[in-house]
Amino acid sequence: MSLSREQVQHIARLARIGLSDDDIAKFSEQLSEILDYFERLRQVDTEDVPPTAHTLLLQNVWREGDKPEPPLDKEDVLANAPIRDGDYFRVKVILEE
C-alpha cells in the first residue's frame, strides 16, 4: 500500500509536526513499508492461536526457602530516624510552595 503525499501531510498535521519536502518523500516510503508489513501479518492464519498478553510464559521465581515474613516493628524502624515526628521520619523540605 503506497501512501500519497497528501496522506503523509495529513498524518503530519494530526501529529502536529512540520515536514519538509524531503521528509514527506522519506516518510511516505517508510510508512508505506510499515503498512505492507501489516498486510502480510493480516494474511497469517491465527485461527487456532490463543490470545496472549505476552509472548513468553512468565511466572514469579522464588529462591528456595524464601517465605514472607511479618513487617518490621514500627518502633524498631523509627529508632533509626535522625529526627522523628510522632510516627514519621522528619526530613528537610525538598520542594517549597
PDB file of N, CA and C in Angstrom:
ATOM      1  N   MET A   1       0.858  -1.180   0.000  1.00  0.00           N
ATOM      2  CA  MET A   1       0.000   0.000   0.000  1.00  0.00           C
ATOM      3  C   MET A   1       0.892   1.227   0.000  1.00  0.00           C
ATOM      4  N   SER A   2       0.694   2.081  -0.941  1.00  0.00           N
ATOM      5  CA  SER A   2       1.509   3.274  -1.065  1.00  0.00           C
ATOM      6  C   SER A   2       0.726   4.495  -0.580  1.00  0.00           C
ATOM      7  N   LEU A   3       1.349   5.249   0.312  1.00  0.00           N
ATOM      8  CA  LEU A   3       0.711   6.464   0.816  1.00  0.00           C
ATOM      9  C   LEU A   3       1.019   7.640  -0.101  1.00  0.00           C
ATOM     10  N   SER A   4       0.033   8.438  -0.343  1.00  0.00           N
ATOM     11  CA  SER A   4       0.230   9.619  -1.176  1.00  0.00           C
ATOM     12  C   SER A   4       0.870  10.742  -0.346  1.00  0.00           C
ATOM     13  N   ARG A   5       1.348  11.726  -1.040  1.00  0.00           N
ATOM     14  CA  ARG A   5       1.939  12.907  -0.395  1.00  0.00           C
ATOM     15  C   ARG A   5       0.919  13.586   0.524  1.00  0.00           C
ATOM     16  N   GLU A   6      -0.322  13.654   0.061  1.00  0.00           N
ATOM     17  CA  GLU A   6      -1.374  14.308   0.843  1.00  0.00           C
ATOM     18  C   GLU A   6      -1.675  13.525   2.130  1.00  0.00           C
ATOM     19  N   GLN A   7      -1.640  12.195   2.046  1.00  0.00           N
ATOM     20  CA  GLN A   7      -1.893  11.379   3.236  1.00  0.00           C
ATOM     21  C   GLN A   7      -0.791  11.580   4.283  1.00  0.00           C
ATOM     22  N   VAL A   8       0.445  11.649   3.841  1.00  0.00           N
ATOM     23  CA  VAL A   8       1.563  11.884   4.771  1.00  0.00           C
ATOM     24  C   VAL A   8       1.443  13.276   5.388  1.00  0.00           C
ATOM     25  N   GLN A   9       1.079  14.265   4.600  1.00  0.00           N
ATOM     26  CA  GLN A   9       0.894  15.610   5.148  1.00  0.00           C
ATOM     27  C   GLN A   9      -0.249  15.629   6.160  1.00  0.00           C
ATOM     28  N   HIS A  10      -1.315  14.880   5.890  1.00  0.00           N
ATOM     29  CA  HIS A  10      -2.440  14.809   6.817  1.00  0.00           C
ATOM     30  C   HIS A  10      -1.995  14.159   8.141  1.00  0.00           C
ATOM     31  N   ILE A  11      -1.235  13.086   8.049  1.00  0.00           N
ATOM     32  CA  ILE A  11      -0.723  12.415   9.254  1.00  0.00           C
ATOM     33  C   ILE A  11       0.181  13.372  10.037  1.00  0.00           C
ATOM     34  N   ALA A  12       1.002  14.120   9.339  1.00  0.00           N
ATOM     35  CA  ALA A  12       1.889  15.087  10.000  1.00  0.00           C
ATOM     36  C   ALA A  12       1.076  16.174  10.694  1.00  0.00           C
ATOM     37  N   ARG A  13       0.010  16.626  10.070  1.00  0.00           N
ATOM     38  CA  ARG A  13      -0.854  17.632  10.707  1.00  0.00           C
ATOM     39  C   ARG A  13      -1.508  17.065  11.962  1.00  0.00           C
ATOM     40  N   LEU A  14      -1.972  15.818  11.896  1.00  0.00           N
ATOM     41  CA  LEU A  14      -2.586  15.191  13.067  1.00  0.00           C
ATOM     42  C   LEU A  14      -1.574  15.062  14.213  1.00  0.00           C
ATOM     43  N   ALA A  15      -0.312  14.781  13.867  1.00  0.00           N
ATOM     44  CA  ALA A  15       0.739  14.645  14.878  1.00  0.00           C
ATOM     45  C   ALA A  15       1.327  15.999  15.256  1.00  0.00           C
ATOM     46  N   ARG A  16       0.858  17.040  14.581  1.00  0.00           N
ATOM     47  CA  ARG A  16       1.326  18.411  14.817  1.00  0.00           C
ATOM     48  C   ARG A  16       2.841  18.548  14.652  1.00  0.00           C
ATOM     49  N   ILE A  17       3.335  17.979  13.549  1.00  0.00           N
ATOM     50  CA  ILE A  17       4.751  18.125  13.224  1.00  0.00           C
ATOM     51  C   ILE A  17       4.879  18.694  11.819  1.00  0.00           C
ATOM     52  N   GLY A  18       5.899  19.483  11.641  1.00  0.00           N
ATOM     53  CA  GLY A  18       6.160  20.052  10.330  1.00  0.00           C
ATOM     54  C   GLY A  18       7.148  19.178   9.580  1.00  0.00           C
ATOM     55  N   LEU A  19       6.893  18.982   8.293  1.00  0.00           N
ATOM     56  CA  LEU A  19       7.766  18.155   7.475  1.00  0.00           C
ATOM     57  C   LEU A  19       8.217  18.933   6.247  1.00  0.00           C
ATOM     58  N   SER A  20       9.485  18.756   5.906  1.00  0.00           N
ATOM     59  CA  SER A  20       9.996  19.336   4.668  1.00  0.00           C
ATOM     60  C   SER A  20       9.603  18.423   3.512  1.00  0.00           C
ATOM     61  N   ASP A  21       9.841  18.872   2.277  1.00  0.00           N
ATOM     62  CA  ASP A  21       9.520  18.052   1.106  1.00  0.00           C
ATOM     63  C   ASP A  21      10.312  16.750   1.120  1.00  0.00           C
ATOM     64  N   ASP A  22      11.580  16.824   1.550  1.00  0.00           N
ATOM     65  CA  ASP A  22      12.402  15.608   1.633  1.00  0.00           C
ATOM     66  C   ASP A  22      11.844  14.648   2.682  1.00  0.00           C
ATOM     67  N   ASP A  23      11.401  15.204   3.823  1.00  0.00           N
ATOM     68  CA  ASP A  23      10.823  14.366   4.878  1.00  0.00           C
ATOM     69  C   ASP A  23       9.557  13.670   4.399  1.00  0.00           C
ATOM     70  N   ILE A  24       8.731  14.390   3.670  1.00  0.00           N
ATOM     71  CA  ILE A  24       7.477  13.816   3.170  1.00  0.00           C
ATOM     72  C   ILE A  24       7.769  12.627   2.259  1.00  0.00           C
ATOM     73  N   ALA A  25       8.744  12.770   1.387  1.00  0.00           N
ATOM     74  CA  ALA A  25       9.098  11.677   0.473  1.00  0.00           C
ATOM     75  C   ALA A  25       9.648  10.486   1.254  1.00  0.00           C
ATOM     76  N   LYS A  26      10.526  10.764   2.227  1.00  0.00           N
ATOM     77  CA  LYS A  26      11.127   9.698   3.019  1.00  0.00           C
ATOM     78  C   LYS A  26      10.073   8.974   3.856  1.00  0.00           C
ATOM     79  N   PHE A  27       9.222   9.733   4.541  1.00  0.00           N
ATOM     80  CA  PHE A  27       8.219   9.118   5.403  1.00  0.00           C
ATOM     81  C   PHE A  27       7.129   8.418   4.599  1.00  0.00           C
ATOM     82  N   SER A  28       6.846   8.909   3.415  1.00  0.00           N
ATOM     83  CA  SER A  28       5.875   8.235   2.559  1.00  0.00           C
ATOM     84  C   SER A  28       6.347   6.819   2.254  1.00  0.00           C
ATOM     85  N   GLU A  29       7.621   6.694   1.929  1.00  0.00           N
ATOM     86  CA  GLU A  29       8.189   5.377   1.632  1.00  0.00           C
ATOM     87  C   GLU A  29       8.217   4.496   2.882  1.00  0.00           C
ATOM     88  N   GLN A  30       8.666   5.049   4.010  1.00  0.00           N
ATOM     89  CA  GLN A  30       8.778   4.263   5.240  1.00  0.00           C
ATOM     90  C   GLN A  30       7.408   3.834   5.768  1.00  0.00           C
ATOM     91  N   LEU A  31       6.457   4.733   5.782  1.00  0.00           N
ATOM     92  CA  LEU A  31       5.124   4.386   6.261  1.00  0.00           C
ATOM     93  C   LEU A  31       4.449   3.371   5.341  1.00  0.00           C
ATOM     94  N   SER A  32       4.695   3.471   4.056  1.00  0.00           N
ATOM     95  CA  SER A  32       4.140   2.501   3.113  1.00  0.00           C
ATOM     96  C   SER A  32       4.706   1.110   3.379  1.00  0.00           C
ATOM     97  N   GLU A  33       6.002   1.025   3.690  1.00  0.00           N
ATOM     98  CA  GLU A  33       6.610  -0.272   4.019  1.00  0.00           C
ATOM     99  C   GLU A  33       6.002  -0.855   5.287  1.00  0.00           C
ATOM    100  N   ILE A  34       5.758  -0.011   6.287  1.00  0.00           N
ATOM    101  CA  ILE A  34       5.148  -0.478   7.535  1.00  0.00           C
ATOM    102  C   ILE A  34       3.756  -1.039   7.261  1.00  0.00           C
ATOM    103  N   LEU A  35       2.982  -0.328   6.452  1.00  0.00           N
ATOM    104  CA  LEU A  35       1.638  -0.802   6.122  1.00  0.00           C
ATOM    105  C   LEU A  35       1.685  -2.114   5.335  1.00  0.00           C
ATOM    106  N   ASP A  36       2.713  -2.283   4.491  1.00  0.00           N
ATOM    107  CA  ASP A  36       2.876  -3.538   3.766  1.00  0.00           C
ATOM    108  C   ASP A  36       3.156  -4.694   4.725  1.00  0.00           C
ATOM    109  N   TYR A  37       3.961  -4.443   5.754  1.00  0.00           N
ATOM    110  CA  TYR A  37       4.225  -5.480   6.758  1.00  0.00           C
ATOM    111  C   TYR A  37       2.939  -5.863   7.480  1.00  0.00           C
ATOM    112  N   PHE A  38       2.115  -4.897   7.811  1.00  0.00           N
ATOM    113  CA  PHE A  38       0.841  -5.194   8.463  1.00  0.00           C
ATOM    114  C   PHE A  38      -0.063  -6.014   7.548  1.00  0.00           C
ATOM    115  N   GLU A  39      -0.026  -5.736   6.268  1.00  0.00           N
ATOM    116  CA  GLU A  39      -0.835  -6.503   5.327  1.00  0.00           C
ATOM    117  C   GLU A  39      -0.365  -7.956   5.289  1.00  0.00           C
ATOM    118  N   ARG A  40       0.948  -8.164   5.342  1.00  0.00           N
ATOM    119  CA  ARG A  40       1.469  -9.533   5.386  1.00  0.00           C
ATOM    120  C   ARG A  40       1.020 -10.240   6.659  1.00  0.00           C
ATOM    121  N   LEU A  41       1.056  -9.540   7.780  1.00  0.00           N
ATOM    122  CA  LEU A  41       0.629 -10.125   9.049  1.00  0.00           C
ATOM    123  C   LEU A  41      -0.855 -10.469   9.025  1.00  0.00           C
ATOM    124  N   ARG A  42      -1.649  -9.668   8.346  1.00  0.00           N
ATOM    125  CA  ARG A  42      -3.088  -9.911   8.263  1.00  0.00           C
ATOM    126  C   ARG A  42      -3.379 -11.233   7.541  1.00  0.00           C
ATOM    127  N   GLN A  43      -2.476 -11.642   6.660  1.00  0.00           N
ATOM    128  CA  GLN A  43      -2.688 -12.858   5.884  1.00  0.00           C
ATOM    129  C   GLN A  43      -2.300 -14.127   6.652  1.00  0.00           C
ATOM    130  N   VAL A  44      -1.640 -13.989   7.793  1.00  0.00           N
ATOM    131  CA  VAL A  44      -1.232 -15.146   8.584  1.00  0.00           C
ATOM    132  C   VAL A  44      -2.459 -15.742   9.271  1.00  0.00           C
ATOM    133  N   ASP A  45      -2.564 -17.073   9.206  1.00  0.00           N
ATOM    134  CA  ASP A  45      -3.697 -17.762   9.826  1.00  0.00           C
ATOM    135  C   ASP A  45      -3.442 -17.877  11.330  1.00  0.00           C
ATOM    136  N   THR A  46      -4.245 -17.209  12.134  1.00  0.00           N
ATOM    137  CA  THR A  46      -4.111 -17.245  13.594  1.00  0.00           C
ATOM    138  C   THR A  46      -5.367 -17.830  14.237  1.00  0.00           C
ATOM    139  N   GLU A  47      -6.107 -18.596  13.479  1.00  0.00           N
ATOM    140  CA  GLU A  47      -7.381 -19.132  13.960  1.00  0.00           C
ATOM    141  C   GLU A  47      -7.224 -19.972  15.221  1.00  0.00           C
ATOM    142  N   ASP A  48      -6.204 -20.832  15.269  1.00  0.00           N
ATOM    143  CA  ASP A  48      -6.029 -21.738  16.407  1.00  0.00           C
ATOM    144  C   ASP A  48      -5.011 -21.226  17.425  1.00  0.00           C
ATOM    145  N   VAL A  49      -4.629 -19.983  17.333  1.00  0.00           N
ATOM    146  CA  VAL A  49      -3.659 -19.408  18.270  1.00  0.00           C
ATOM    147  C   VAL A  49      -4.419 -18.674  19.364  1.00  0.00           C
ATOM    148  N   PRO A  50      -4.222 -19.086  20.635  1.00  0.00           N
ATOM    149  CA  PRO A  50      -4.949 -18.405  21.715  1.00  0.00           C
ATOM    150  C   PRO A  50      -4.402 -16.998  21.937  1.00  0.00           C
ATOM    151  N   PRO A  51      -5.263 -16.084  22.336  1.00  0.00           N
ATOM    152  CA  PRO A  51      -4.788 -14.723  22.610  1.00  0.00           C
ATOM    153  C   PRO A  51      -3.860 -14.721  23.814  1.00  0.00           C
ATOM    154  N   THR A  52      -2.840 -13.906  23.755  1.00  0.00           N
ATOM    155  CA  THR A  52      -1.882 -13.811  24.858  1.00  0.00           C
ATOM    156  C   THR A  52      -1.590 -12.355  25.163  1.00  0.00           C
ATOM    157  N   ALA A  53      -1.185 -12.110  26.400  1.00  0.00           N
ATOM    158  CA  ALA A  53      -0.797 -10.757  26.790  1.00  0.00           C
ATOM    159  C   ALA A  53       0.708 -10.579  26.631  1.00  0.00           C
ATOM    160  N   HIS A  54       1.433 -11.699  26.556  1.00  0.00           N
ATOM    161  CA  HIS A  54       2.885 -11.625  26.456  1.00  0.00           C
ATOM    162  C   HIS A  54       3.367 -12.820  25.650  1.00  0.00           C
ATOM    163  N   THR A  55       4.475 -12.681  24.967  1.00  0.00           N
ATOM    164  CA  THR A  55       4.961 -13.762  24.119  1.00  0.00           C
ATOM    165  C   THR A  55       5.650 -14.863  24.906  1.00  0.00           C
ATOM    166  N   LEU A  56       6.078 -14.577  26.130  1.00  0.00           N
ATOM    167  CA  LEU A  56       6.758 -15.567  26.964  1.00  0.00           C
ATOM    168  C   LEU A  56       5.883 -15.968  28.136  1.00  0.00           C
ATOM    169  N   LEU A  57       6.035 -17.197  28.572  1.00  0.00           N
ATOM    170  CA  LEU A  57       5.342 -17.617  29.777  1.00  0.00           C
ATOM    171  C   LEU A  57       6.075 -17.008  30.968  1.00  0.00           C
ATOM    172  N   LEU A  58       5.388 -16.192  31.724  1.00  0.00           N
ATOM    173  CA  LEU A  58       6.014 -15.520  32.846  1.00  0.00           C
ATOM    174  C   LEU A  58       5.479 -16.091  34.147  1.00  0.00           C
ATOM    175  N   GLN A  59       6.366 -16.215  35.098  1.00  0.00           N
ATOM    176  CA  GLN A  59       5.959 -16.637  36.426  1.00  0.00           C
ATOM    177  C   GLN A  59       6.974 -16.099  37.416  1.00  0.00           C
ATOM    178  N   ASN A  60       6.540 -15.926  38.645  1.00  0.00           N
ATOM    179  CA  ASN A  60       7.454 -15.476  39.679  1.00  0.00           C
ATOM    180  C   ASN A  60       8.407 -16.597  40.026  1.00  0.00           C
ATOM    181  N   VAL A  61       9.656 -16.254  40.201  1.00  0.00           N
ATOM    182  CA  VAL A  61      10.662 -17.232  40.582  1.00  0.00           C
ATOM    183  C   VAL A  61      11.158 -16.850  41.964  1.00  0.00           C
ATOM    184  N   TRP A  62      11.006 -17.756  42.895  1.00  0.00           N
ATOM    185  CA  TRP A  62      11.414 -17.502  44.271  1.00  0.00           C
ATOM    186  C   TRP A  62      12.604 -18.385  44.593  1.00  0.00           C
ATOM    187  N   ARG A  63      13.523 -17.831  45.378  1.00  0.00           N
ATOM    188  CA  ARG A  63      14.607 -18.673  45.870  1.00  0.00           C
ATOM    189  C   ARG A  63      14.027 -19.674  46.857  1.00  0.00           C
ATOM    190  N   GLU A  64      14.654 -20.817  46.923  1.00  0.00           N
ATOM    191  CA  GLU A  64      14.170 -21.828  47.850  1.00  0.00           C
ATOM    192  C   GLU A  64      14.307 -21.309  49.273  1.00  0.00           C
ATOM    193  N   GLY A  65      13.261 -21.466  50.042  1.00  0.00           N
ATOM    194  CA  GLY A  65      13.293 -21.023  51.426  1.00  0.00           C
ATOM    195  C   GLY A  65      12.801 -19.603  51.636  1.00  0.00           C
ATOM    196  N   ASP A  66      12.572 -18.854  50.556  1.00  0.00           N
ATOM    197  CA  ASP A  66      12.037 -17.502  50.714  1.00  0.00           C
ATOM    198  C   ASP A  66      10.577 -17.576  51.124  1.00  0.00           C
ATOM    199  N   LYS A  67      10.281 -17.039  52.253  1.00  0.00           N
ATOM    200  CA  LYS A  67       8.908 -17.017  52.726  1.00  0.00           C
ATOM    201  C   LYS A  67       8.602 -15.609  53.208  1.00  0.00           C
ATOM    202  N   PRO A  68       7.381 -15.165  53.047  1.00  0.00           N
ATOM    203  CA  PRO A  68       7.033 -13.843  53.566  1.00  0.00           C
ATOM    204  C   PRO A  68       7.219 -13.807  55.085  1.00  0.00           C
ATOM    205  N   GLU A  69       7.712 -12.700  55.539  1.00  0.00           N
ATOM    206  CA  GLU A  69       7.899 -12.509  56.968  1.00  0.00           C
ATOM    207  C   GLU A  69       7.032 -11.354  57.429  1.00  0.00           C
ATOM    208  N   PRO A  70       6.734 -11.310  58.715  1.00  0.00           N
ATOM    209  CA  PRO A  70       5.940 -10.181  59.198  1.00  0.00           C
ATOM    210  C   PRO A  70       6.724  -8.878  59.046  1.00  0.00           C
ATOM    211  N   PRO A  71       6.036  -7.759  58.930  1.00  0.00           N
ATOM    212  CA  PRO A  71       6.739  -6.480  58.765  1.00  0.00           C
ATOM    213  C   PRO A  71       7.549  -6.134  60.012  1.00  0.00           C
ATOM    214  N   LEU A  72       8.511  -5.234  59.816  1.00  0.00           N
ATOM    215  CA  LEU A  72       9.324  -4.783  60.942  1.00  0.00           C
ATOM    216  C   LEU A  72       8.467  -4.016  61.934  1.00  0.00           C
ATOM    217  N   ASP A  73       8.875  -4.066  63.166  1.00  0.00           N
ATOM    218  CA  ASP A  73       8.172  -3.317  64.204  1.00  0.00           C
ATOM    219  C   ASP A  73       8.388  -1.826  63.981  1.00  0.00           C
ATOM    220  N   LYS A  74       7.326  -1.064  64.081  1.00  0.00           N
ATOM    221  CA  LYS A  74       7.377   0.373  63.812  1.00  0.00           C
ATOM    222  C   LYS A  74       8.383   1.068  64.715  1.00  0.00           C
ATOM    223  N   GLU A  75       8.412   0.725  65.976  1.00  0.00           N
ATOM    224  CA  GLU A  75       9.335   1.381  66.916  1.00  0.00           C
ATOM    225  C   GLU A  75      10.785   1.062  66.589  1.00  0.00           C
ATOM    226  N   ASP A  76      11.055  -0.181  66.138  1.00  0.00           N
ATOM    227  CA  ASP A  76      12.422  -0.538  65.754  1.00  0.00           C
ATOM    228  C   ASP A  76      12.877   0.263  64.543  1.00  0.00           C
ATOM    229  N   VAL A  77      11.981   0.456  63.604  1.00  0.00           N
ATOM    230  CA  VAL A  77      12.326   1.220  62.399  1.00  0.00           C
ATOM    231  C   VAL A  77      12.536   2.687  62.748  1.00  0.00           C
ATOM    232  N   LEU A  78      11.619   3.260  63.508  1.00  0.00           N
ATOM    233  CA  LEU A  78      11.712   4.690  63.842  1.00  0.00           C
ATOM    234  C   LEU A  78      12.850   4.987  64.808  1.00  0.00           C
ATOM    235  N   ALA A  79      13.390   3.969  65.458  1.00  0.00           N
ATOM    236  CA  ALA A  79      14.541   4.174  66.354  1.00  0.00           C
ATOM    237  C   ALA A  79      15.754   4.634  65.564  1.00  0.00           C
ATOM    238  N   ASN A  80      15.801   4.346  64.263  1.00  0.00           N
ATOM    239  CA  ASN A  80      16.928   4.739  63.418  1.00  0.00           C
ATOM    240  C   ASN A  80      16.743   6.107  62.773  1.00  0.00           C
ATOM    241  N   ALA A  81      15.621   6.748  63.012  1.00  0.00           N
ATOM    242  CA  ALA A  81      15.348   8.043  62.380  1.00  0.00           C
ATOM    243  C   ALA A  81      16.225   9.115  63.007  1.00  0.00           C
ATOM    244  N   PRO A  82      16.930   9.916  62.198  1.00  0.00           N
ATOM    245  CA  PRO A  82      17.720  11.017  62.762  1.00  0.00           C
ATOM    246  C   PRO A  82      16.822  12.015  63.486  1.00  0.00           C
ATOM    247  N   ILE A  83      15.677  12.329  62.871  1.00  0.00           N
ATOM    248  CA  ILE A  83      14.704  13.211  63.510  1.00  0.00           C
ATOM    249  C   ILE A  83      13.345  12.539  63.332  1.00  0.00           C
ATOM    250  N   ARG A  84      12.622  12.441  64.412  1.00  0.00           N
ATOM    251  CA  ARG A  84      11.335  11.760  64.389  1.00  0.00           C
ATOM    252  C   ARG A  84      10.235  12.738  64.750  1.00  0.00           C
ATOM    253  N   ASP A  85       9.107  12.590  64.064  1.00  0.00           N
ATOM    254  CA  ASP A  85       7.942  13.419  64.359  1.00  0.00           C
ATOM    255  C   ASP A  85       6.760  12.480  64.561  1.00  0.00           C
ATOM    256  N   GLY A  86       6.537  12.055  65.789  1.00  0.00           N
ATOM    257  CA  GLY A  86       5.474  11.093  66.070  1.00  0.00           C
ATOM    258  C   GLY A  86       5.811   9.757  65.446  1.00  0.00           C
ATOM    259  N   ASP A  87       4.943   9.287  64.547  1.00  0.00           N
ATOM    260  CA  ASP A  87       5.162   8.010  63.875  1.00  0.00           C
ATOM    261  C   ASP A  87       5.789   8.171  62.488  1.00  0.00           C
ATOM    262  N   TYR A  88       6.458   9.308  62.234  1.00  0.00           N
ATOM    263  CA  TYR A  88       7.004   9.591  60.915  1.00  0.00           C
ATOM    264  C   TYR A  88       8.458  10.032  61.025  1.00  0.00           C
ATOM    265  N   PHE A  89       9.202   9.848  59.913  1.00  0.00           N
ATOM    266  CA  PHE A  89      10.533  10.435  59.782  1.00  0.00           C
ATOM    267  C   PHE A  89      10.364  11.902  59.449  1.00  0.00           C
ATOM    268  N   ARG A  90      11.147  12.764  60.036  1.00  0.00           N
ATOM    269  CA  ARG A  90      11.154  14.184  59.675  1.00  0.00           C
ATOM    270  C   ARG A  90      12.307  14.363  58.692  1.00  0.00           C
ATOM    271  N   VAL A  91      12.021  15.001  57.561  1.00  0.00           N
ATOM    272  CA  VAL A  91      13.034  15.241  56.528  1.00  0.00           C
ATOM    273  C   VAL A  91      13.042  16.712  56.171  1.00  0.00           C
ATOM    274  N   LYS A  92      14.132  17.124  55.498  1.00  0.00           N
ATOM    275  CA  LYS A  92      14.220  18.510  55.052  1.00  0.00           C
ATOM    276  C   LYS A  92      13.210  18.770  53.930  1.00  0.00           C
ATOM    277  N   VAL A  93      12.762  19.989  53.833  1.00  0.00           N
ATOM    278  CA  VAL A  93      11.857  20.367  52.750  1.00  0.00           C
ATOM    279  C   VAL A  93      12.623  20.293  51.431  1.00  0.00           C
ATOM    280  N   ILE A  94      12.027  19.609  50.460  1.00  0.00           N
ATOM    281  CA  ILE A  94      12.665  19.488  49.157  1.00  0.00           C
ATOM    282  C   ILE A  94      12.047  20.477  48.185  1.00  0.00           C
ATOM    283  N   LEU A  95      10.757  20.523  48.145  1.00  0.00           N
ATOM    284  CA  LEU A  95      10.048  21.436  47.262  1.00  0.00           C
ATOM    285  C   LEU A  95       9.317  22.442  48.124  1.00  0.00           C
ATOM    286  N   GLU A  96       9.537  23.714  47.832  1.00  0.00           N
ATOM    287  CA  GLU A  96       8.832  24.744  48.579  1.00  0.00           C
ATOM    288  C   GLU A  96       7.668  25.244  47.744  1.00  0.00           C
ATOM    289  N   GLU A  97       6.602  25.599  48.415  1.00  0.00           N
ATOM    290  CA  GLU A  97       5.435  26.101  47.685  1.00  0.00           C
ATOM    291  C   GLU A  97       5.503  27.595  47.579  1.00  0.00           C
TER     292      GLU A  97
END
